[in-house]
PDB file of N, CA and C in Angstrom:
ATOM      1  N   UNK A   1       0.842  -1.178   0.000  1.00  0.00           N
ATOM      2  CA  UNK A   1       0.000   0.000   0.000  1.00  0.00           C
ATOM      3  C   UNK A   1       0.884   1.237   0.000  1.00  0.00           C
ATOM      4  N   UNK A   2       0.320   2.298  -0.570  1.00  0.00           N
ATOM      5  CA  UNK A   2       1.031   3.570  -0.638  1.00  0.00           C
ATOM      6  C   UNK A   2       0.063   4.692  -0.306  1.00  0.00           C
ATOM      7  N   UNK A   3       0.604   5.862  -0.050  1.00  0.00           N
ATOM      8  CA  UNK A   3      -0.199   7.045   0.247  1.00  0.00           C
ATOM      9  C   UNK A   3      -0.067   8.011  -0.927  1.00  0.00           C
ATOM     10  N   UNK A   4      -1.182   8.623  -1.319  1.00  0.00           N
ATOM     11  CA  UNK A   4      -1.171   9.590  -2.406  1.00  0.00           C
ATOM     12  C   UNK A   4      -2.176  10.693  -2.147  1.00  0.00           C
ATOM     13  N   UNK A   5      -2.204  11.670  -3.060  1.00  0.00           N
ATOM     14  CA  UNK A   5      -3.135  12.796  -2.967  1.00  0.00           C
ATOM     15  C   UNK A   5      -3.965  12.856  -4.239  1.00  0.00           C
ATOM     16  N   UNK A   6      -5.282  12.935  -4.076  1.00  0.00           N
ATOM     17  CA  UNK A   6      -6.185  12.995  -5.227  1.00  0.00           C
ATOM     18  C   UNK A   6      -6.027  14.366  -5.888  1.00  0.00           C
ATOM     19  N   UNK A   7      -5.795  14.357  -7.220  1.00  0.00           N
ATOM     20  CA  UNK A   7      -5.611  15.603  -7.958  1.00  0.00           C
ATOM     21  C   UNK A   7      -6.784  15.907  -8.888  1.00  0.00           C
ATOM     22  N   UNK A   8      -7.684  14.966  -9.067  1.00  0.00           N
ATOM     23  CA  UNK A   8      -8.838  15.204  -9.935  1.00  0.00           C
ATOM     24  C   UNK A   8      -9.468  13.900 -10.381  1.00  0.00           C
ATOM     25  N   UNK A   9     -10.434  14.022 -11.270  1.00  0.00           N
ATOM     26  CA  UNK A   9     -11.151  12.855 -11.778  1.00  0.00           C
ATOM     27  C   UNK A   9     -10.842  12.654 -13.252  1.00  0.00           C
ATOM     28  N   UNK A  10     -11.096  11.460 -13.741  1.00  0.00           N
ATOM     29  CA  UNK A  10     -11.014  11.175 -15.174  1.00  0.00           C
ATOM     30  C   UNK A  10     -12.351  10.595 -15.611  1.00  0.00           C
ATOM     31  N   UNK A  11     -12.696  10.818 -16.878  1.00  0.00           N
ATOM     32  CA  UNK A  11     -13.928  10.292 -17.431  1.00  0.00           C
ATOM     33  C   UNK A  11     -13.590   9.482 -18.666  1.00  0.00           C
ATOM     34  N   UNK A  12     -14.327   8.413 -18.876  1.00  0.00           N
ATOM     35  CA  UNK A  12     -14.140   7.572 -20.057  1.00  0.00           C
ATOM     36  C   UNK A  12     -15.506   7.367 -20.707  1.00  0.00           C
ATOM     37  N   UNK A  13     -15.616   7.675 -21.993  1.00  0.00           N
ATOM     38  CA  UNK A  13     -16.894   7.503 -22.670  1.00  0.00           C
ATOM     39  C   UNK A  13     -17.197   6.030 -22.899  1.00  0.00           C
ATOM     40  N   UNK A  14     -16.151   5.226 -23.046  1.00  0.00           N
ATOM     41  CA  UNK A  14     -16.321   3.783 -23.178  1.00  0.00           C
ATOM     42  C   UNK A  14     -15.331   3.110 -22.239  1.00  0.00           C
ATOM     43  N   UNK A  15     -15.825   2.127 -21.505  1.00  0.00           N
ATOM     44  CA  UNK A  15     -14.949   1.389 -20.599  1.00  0.00           C
ATOM     45  C   UNK A  15     -15.507  -0.005 -20.383  1.00  0.00           C
ATOM     46  N   UNK A  16     -14.730  -0.846 -19.751  1.00  0.00           N
ATOM     47  CA  UNK A  16     -15.130  -2.211 -19.444  1.00  0.00           C
ATOM     48  C   UNK A  16     -16.453  -2.187 -18.667  1.00  0.00           C
ATOM     49  N   UNK A  17     -17.413  -3.052 -19.010  1.00  0.00           N
ATOM     50  CA  UNK A  17     -18.695  -3.071 -18.289  1.00  0.00           C
ATOM     51  C   UNK A  17     -18.534  -3.233 -16.772  1.00  0.00           C
ATOM     52  N   UNK A  18     -17.480  -3.901 -16.329  1.00  0.00           N
ATOM     53  CA  UNK A  18     -17.269  -4.077 -14.883  1.00  0.00           C
ATOM     54  C   UNK A  18     -16.932  -2.759 -14.190  1.00  0.00           C
ATOM     55  N   UNK A  19     -16.559  -1.731 -14.959  1.00  0.00           N
ATOM     56  CA  UNK A  19     -16.236  -0.425 -14.380  1.00  0.00           C
ATOM     57  C   UNK A  19     -17.422   0.537 -14.423  1.00  0.00           C
ATOM     58  N   UNK A  20     -18.576   0.085 -14.917  1.00  0.00           N
ATOM     59  CA  UNK A  20     -19.758   0.940 -14.970  1.00  0.00           C
ATOM     60  C   UNK A  20     -20.132   1.406 -13.564  1.00  0.00           C
ATOM     61  N   UNK A  21     -20.292   2.708 -13.411  1.00  0.00           N
ATOM     62  CA  UNK A  21     -20.633   3.276 -12.113  1.00  0.00           C
ATOM     63  C   UNK A  21     -19.446   3.468 -11.191  1.00  0.00           C
ATOM     64  N   UNK A  22     -18.268   3.070 -11.617  1.00  0.00           N
ATOM     65  CA  UNK A  22     -17.053   3.172 -10.798  1.00  0.00           C
ATOM     66  C   UNK A  22     -16.368   4.504 -11.059  1.00  0.00           C
ATOM     67  N   UNK A  23     -16.069   5.264 -10.010  1.00  0.00           N
ATOM     68  CA  UNK A  23     -15.339   6.519 -10.164  1.00  0.00           C
ATOM     69  C   UNK A  23     -13.856   6.234 -10.354  1.00  0.00           C
ATOM     70  N   UNK A  24     -13.246   6.959 -11.279  1.00  0.00           N
ATOM     71  CA  UNK A  24     -11.810   6.855 -11.518  1.00  0.00           C
ATOM     72  C   UNK A  24     -11.180   8.202 -11.195  1.00  0.00           C
ATOM     73  N   UNK A  25     -10.160   8.196 -10.344  1.00  0.00           N
ATOM     74  CA  UNK A  25      -9.527   9.432  -9.904  1.00  0.00           C
ATOM     75  C   UNK A  25      -8.044   9.450 -10.241  1.00  0.00           C
ATOM     76  N   UNK A  26      -7.520  10.660 -10.518  1.00  0.00           N
ATOM     77  CA  UNK A  26      -6.078  10.858 -10.679  1.00  0.00           C
ATOM     78  C   UNK A  26      -5.492  11.049  -9.290  1.00  0.00           C
ATOM     79  N   UNK A  27      -4.399  10.337  -9.025  1.00  0.00           N
ATOM     80  CA  UNK A  27      -3.763  10.407  -7.715  1.00  0.00           C
ATOM     81  C   UNK A  27      -2.263  10.615  -7.900  1.00  0.00           C
ATOM     82  N   UNK A  28      -1.707  11.618  -7.207  1.00  0.00           N
ATOM     83  CA  UNK A  28      -0.275  11.848  -7.238  1.00  0.00           C
ATOM     84  C   UNK A  28       0.366  11.001  -6.145  1.00  0.00           C
ATOM     85  N   UNK A  29       1.332  10.175  -6.564  1.00  0.00           N
ATOM     86  CA  UNK A  29       2.080   9.321  -5.641  1.00  0.00           C
ATOM     87  C   UNK A  29       3.549   9.642  -5.886  1.00  0.00           C
ATOM     88  N   UNK A  30       4.143  10.414  -4.981  1.00  0.00           N
ATOM     89  CA  UNK A  30       5.514  10.866  -5.205  1.00  0.00           C
ATOM     90  C   UNK A  30       5.540  11.793  -6.409  1.00  0.00           C
ATOM     91  N   UNK A  31       6.379  11.487  -7.390  1.00  0.00           N
ATOM     92  CA  UNK A  31       6.460  12.297  -8.612  1.00  0.00           C
ATOM     93  C   UNK A  31       5.536  11.785  -9.713  1.00  0.00           C
ATOM     94  N   UNK A  32       4.933  10.628  -9.496  1.00  0.00           N
ATOM     95  CA  UNK A  32       4.081  10.007 -10.504  1.00  0.00           C
ATOM     96  C   UNK A  32       2.616  10.355 -10.283  1.00  0.00           C
ATOM     97  N   UNK A  33       1.843  10.267 -11.349  1.00  0.00           N
ATOM     98  CA  UNK A  33       0.395  10.413 -11.242  1.00  0.00           C
ATOM     99  C   UNK A  33      -0.235   9.167 -11.857  1.00  0.00           C
ATOM    100  N   UNK A  34      -1.166   8.559 -11.130  1.00  0.00           N
ATOM    101  CA  UNK A  34      -1.810   7.326 -11.586  1.00  0.00           C
ATOM    102  C   UNK A  34      -3.318   7.521 -11.601  1.00  0.00           C
ATOM    103  N   UNK A  35      -4.015   6.582 -12.222  1.00  0.00           N
ATOM    104  CA  UNK A  35      -5.475   6.536 -12.180  1.00  0.00           C
ATOM    105  C   UNK A  35      -5.856   5.352 -11.301  1.00  0.00           C
ATOM    106  N   UNK A  36      -6.751   5.593 -10.349  1.00  0.00           N
ATOM    107  CA  UNK A  36      -7.157   4.537  -9.418  1.00  0.00           C
ATOM    108  C   UNK A  36      -8.675   4.487  -9.304  1.00  0.00           C
ATOM    109  N   UNK A  37      -9.204   3.294  -9.119  1.00  0.00           N
ATOM    110  CA  UNK A  37     -10.632   3.113  -8.854  1.00  0.00           C
ATOM    111  C   UNK A  37     -10.916   3.600  -7.437  1.00  0.00           C
ATOM    112  N   UNK A  38     -11.913   4.452  -7.287  1.00  0.00           N
ATOM    113  CA  UNK A  38     -12.251   5.016  -5.976  1.00  0.00           C
ATOM    114  C   UNK A  38     -13.327   4.171  -5.317  1.00  0.00           C
ATOM    115  N   UNK A  39     -12.982   3.510  -4.226  1.00  0.00           N
ATOM    116  CA  UNK A  39     -13.928   2.642  -3.525  1.00  0.00           C
ATOM    117  C   UNK A  39     -14.514   3.284  -2.276  1.00  0.00           C
ATOM    118  N   UNK A  40     -14.048   4.510  -1.929  1.00  0.00           N
ATOM    119  CA  UNK A  40     -14.458   5.115  -0.666  1.00  0.00           C
ATOM    120  C   UNK A  40     -15.053   6.517  -0.785  1.00  0.00           C
ATOM    121  N   UNK A  41     -15.170   7.056  -1.989  1.00  0.00           N
ATOM    122  CA  UNK A  41     -15.747   8.387  -2.162  1.00  0.00           C
ATOM    123  C   UNK A  41     -14.793   9.518  -1.855  1.00  0.00           C
ATOM    124  N   UNK A  42     -13.536   9.381  -2.231  1.00  0.00           N
ATOM    125  CA  UNK A  42     -12.530  10.416  -1.976  1.00  0.00           C
ATOM    126  C   UNK A  42     -12.765  11.618  -2.887  1.00  0.00           C
ATOM    127  N   UNK A  43     -12.260  12.772  -2.458  1.00  0.00           N
ATOM    128  CA  UNK A  43     -12.403  13.990  -3.247  1.00  0.00           C
ATOM    129  C   UNK A  43     -11.058  14.628  -3.527  1.00  0.00           C
ATOM    130  N   UNK A  44     -11.052  15.592  -4.414  1.00  0.00           N
ATOM    131  CA  UNK A  44      -9.836  16.299  -4.792  1.00  0.00           C
ATOM    132  C   UNK A  44      -9.169  16.917  -3.566  1.00  0.00           C
ATOM    133  N   UNK A  45      -7.862  16.735  -3.456  1.00  0.00           N
ATOM    134  CA  UNK A  45      -7.083  17.284  -2.350  1.00  0.00           C
ATOM    135  C   UNK A  45      -6.946  16.353  -1.158  1.00  0.00           C
ATOM    136  N   UNK A  46      -7.737  15.295  -1.104  1.00  0.00           N
ATOM    137  CA  UNK A  46      -7.659  14.386   0.040  1.00  0.00           C
ATOM    138  C   UNK A  46      -6.479  13.438  -0.106  1.00  0.00           C
ATOM    139  N   UNK A  47      -5.862  13.114   1.035  1.00  0.00           N
ATOM    140  CA  UNK A  47      -4.795  12.120   1.062  1.00  0.00           C
ATOM    141  C   UNK A  47      -5.453  10.757   1.225  1.00  0.00           C
ATOM    142  N   UNK A  48      -5.012   9.803   0.415  1.00  0.00           N
ATOM    143  CA  UNK A  48      -5.675   8.505   0.370  1.00  0.00           C
ATOM    144  C   UNK A  48      -4.672   7.362   0.493  1.00  0.00           C
ATOM    145  N   UNK A  49      -5.202   6.196   0.861  1.00  0.00           N
ATOM    146  CA  UNK A  49      -4.422   4.964   0.936  1.00  0.00           C
ATOM    147  C   UNK A  49      -4.764   4.147  -0.299  1.00  0.00           C
ATOM    148  N   UNK A  50      -3.737   3.684  -1.007  1.00  0.00           N
ATOM    149  CA  UNK A  50      -3.914   2.951  -2.258  1.00  0.00           C
ATOM    150  C   UNK A  50      -3.452   1.512  -2.120  1.00  0.00           C
ATOM    151  N   UNK A  51      -4.178   0.615  -2.759  1.00  0.00           N
ATOM    152  CA  UNK A  51      -3.764  -0.782  -2.883  1.00  0.00           C
ATOM    153  C   UNK A  51      -3.464  -1.018  -4.364  1.00  0.00           C
ATOM    154  N   UNK A  52      -2.472  -1.864  -4.650  1.00  0.00           N
ATOM    155  CA  UNK A  52      -2.055  -2.119  -6.024  1.00  0.00           C
ATOM    156  C   UNK A  52      -2.091  -3.607  -6.343  1.00  0.00           C
ATOM    157  N   UNK A  53      -2.138  -3.916  -7.632  1.00  0.00           N
ATOM    158  CA  UNK A  53      -2.029  -5.293  -8.109  1.00  0.00           C
ATOM    159  C   UNK A  53      -3.123  -6.193  -7.580  1.00  0.00           C
ATOM    160  N   UNK A  54      -2.716  -7.365  -7.098  1.00  0.00           N
ATOM    161  CA  UNK A  54      -3.666  -8.360  -6.600  1.00  0.00           C
ATOM    162  C   UNK A  54      -4.512  -7.843  -5.450  1.00  0.00           C
ATOM    163  N   UNK A  55      -3.933  -7.008  -4.593  1.00  0.00           N
ATOM    164  CA  UNK A  55      -4.693  -6.453  -3.471  1.00  0.00           C
ATOM    165  C   UNK A  55      -5.800  -5.535  -3.977  1.00  0.00           C
ATOM    166  N   UNK A  56      -5.555  -4.781  -5.039  1.00  0.00           N
ATOM    167  CA  UNK A  56      -6.581  -3.907  -5.612  1.00  0.00           C
ATOM    168  C   UNK A  56      -7.693  -4.744  -6.226  1.00  0.00           C
ATOM    169  N   UNK A  57      -7.338  -5.842  -6.857  1.00  0.00           N
ATOM    170  CA  UNK A  57      -8.355  -6.695  -7.483  1.00  0.00           C
ATOM    171  C   UNK A  57      -9.185  -7.451  -6.449  1.00  0.00           C
ATOM    172  N   UNK A  58      -8.678  -7.627  -5.239  1.00  0.00           N
ATOM    173  CA  UNK A  58      -9.469  -8.272  -4.189  1.00  0.00           C
ATOM    174  C   UNK A  58     -10.662  -7.414  -3.789  1.00  0.00           C
ATOM    175  N   UNK A  59     -10.486  -6.101  -3.783  1.00  0.00           N
ATOM    176  CA  UNK A  59     -11.560  -5.216  -3.342  1.00  0.00           C
ATOM    177  C   UNK A  59     -12.517  -4.846  -4.469  1.00  0.00           C
ATOM    178  N   UNK A  60     -12.105  -5.010  -5.716  1.00  0.00           N
ATOM    179  CA  UNK A  60     -13.019  -4.839  -6.859  1.00  0.00           C
ATOM    180  C   UNK A  60     -12.756  -5.990  -7.830  1.00  0.00           C
ATOM    181  N   UNK A  61     -13.222  -7.189  -7.461  1.00  0.00           N
ATOM    182  CA  UNK A  61     -12.841  -8.424  -8.162  1.00  0.00           C
ATOM    183  C   UNK A  61     -13.257  -8.518  -9.624  1.00  0.00           C
ATOM    184  N   UNK A  62     -14.340  -7.891 -10.022  1.00  0.00           N
ATOM    185  CA  UNK A  62     -14.790  -8.017 -11.403  1.00  0.00           C
ATOM    186  C   UNK A  62     -14.230  -6.941 -12.319  1.00  0.00           C
ATOM    187  N   UNK A  63     -13.542  -5.961 -11.752  1.00  0.00           N
ATOM    188  CA  UNK A  63     -13.015  -4.853 -12.536  1.00  0.00           C
ATOM    189  C   UNK A  63     -11.526  -5.052 -12.821  1.00  0.00           C
ATOM    190  N   UNK A  64     -11.092  -4.678 -14.021  1.00  0.00           N
ATOM    191  CA  UNK A  64      -9.675  -4.808 -14.360  1.00  0.00           C
ATOM    192  C   UNK A  64      -8.868  -3.642 -13.794  1.00  0.00           C
ATOM    193  N   UNK A  65      -8.822  -3.518 -12.477  1.00  0.00           N
ATOM    194  CA  UNK A  65      -8.136  -2.402 -11.825  1.00  0.00           C
ATOM    195  C   UNK A  65      -6.783  -2.843 -11.288  1.00  0.00           C
ATOM    196  N   UNK A  66      -5.770  -2.020 -11.509  1.00  0.00           N
ATOM    197  CA  UNK A  66      -4.439  -2.282 -10.974  1.00  0.00           C
ATOM    198  C   UNK A  66      -4.157  -1.417  -9.751  1.00  0.00           C
ATOM    199  N   UNK A  67      -4.996  -0.388  -9.530  1.00  0.00           N
ATOM    200  CA  UNK A  67      -4.844   0.487  -8.368  1.00  0.00           C
ATOM    201  C   UNK A  67      -6.232   0.841  -7.852  1.00  0.00           C
ATOM    202  N   UNK A  68      -6.389   0.823  -6.529  1.00  0.00           N
ATOM    203  CA  UNK A  68      -7.675   1.148  -5.917  1.00  0.00           C
ATOM    204  C   UNK A  68      -7.463   2.004  -4.679  1.00  0.00           C
ATOM    205  N   UNK A  69      -8.319   3.003  -4.511  1.00  0.00           N
ATOM    206  CA  UNK A  69      -8.307   3.818  -3.303  1.00  0.00           C
ATOM    207  C   UNK A  69      -9.142   3.080  -2.270  1.00  0.00           C
ATOM    208  N   UNK A  70      -8.500   2.685  -1.163  1.00  0.00           N
ATOM    209  CA  UNK A  70      -9.176   1.858  -0.165  1.00  0.00           C
ATOM    210  C   UNK A  70      -9.387   2.594   1.167  1.00  0.00           C
ATOM    211  N   UNK A  71      -8.896   3.824   1.276  1.00  0.00           N
ATOM    212  CA  UNK A  71      -9.092   4.575   2.513  1.00  0.00           C
ATOM    213  C   UNK A  71      -8.746   6.033   2.333  1.00  0.00           C
ATOM    214  N   UNK A  72      -9.361   6.892   3.168  1.00  0.00           N
ATOM    215  CA  UNK A  72      -9.033   8.307   3.214  1.00  0.00           C
ATOM    216  C   UNK A  72      -8.224   8.526   4.481  1.00  0.00           C
ATOM    217  N   UNK A  73      -7.068   9.133   4.334  1.00  0.00           N
ATOM    218  CA  UNK A  73      -6.140   9.310   5.444  1.00  0.00           C
ATOM    219  C   UNK A  73      -6.535  10.534   6.271  1.00  0.00           C
ATOM    220  N   UNK A  74      -6.839  10.321   7.547  1.00  0.00           N
ATOM    221  CA  UNK A  74      -7.203  11.417   8.441  1.00  0.00           C
ATOM    222  C   UNK A  74      -5.966  11.986   9.120  1.00  0.00           C
ATOM    223  N   UNK A  75      -5.066  11.115   9.557  1.00  0.00           N
ATOM    224  CA  UNK A  75      -3.859  11.510  10.274  1.00  0.00           C
ATOM    225  C   UNK A  75      -2.726  10.609   9.877  1.00  0.00           C
ATOM    226  N   UNK A  76      -1.517  11.102  10.097  1.00  0.00           N
ATOM    227  CA  UNK A  76      -0.343  10.275   9.849  1.00  0.00           C
ATOM    228  C   UNK A  76       0.672  10.574  10.932  1.00  0.00           C
ATOM    229  N   UNK A  77       1.100   9.559  11.675  1.00  0.00           N
ATOM    230  CA  UNK A  77       2.119   9.785  12.701  1.00  0.00           C
ATOM    231  C   UNK A  77       3.493   9.601  12.077  1.00  0.00           C
ATOM    232  N   UNK A  78       4.459  10.270  12.605  1.00  0.00           N
ATOM    233  CA  UNK A  78       5.811  10.211  12.056  1.00  0.00           C
ATOM    234  C   UNK A  78       6.628   9.121  12.666  1.00  0.00           C
TER     235      UNK A  78
END
């Protein structure tokens, strides 16, 4: 899992039927920006917890997702 910041949303006019109704968000992770399936209703500017690969597919099993937002980060201890 990694921590990132939501920078906006993406829209697709055509996508896999398993992604119908699924929000896709742009997330900055370090210097990279990725697209992740939003499972928790995150918004722009929020810090989020991301799952990747097999862990992402566990939470959205029918969707071809490689990254999923699985939590909104309220606090982070150092």
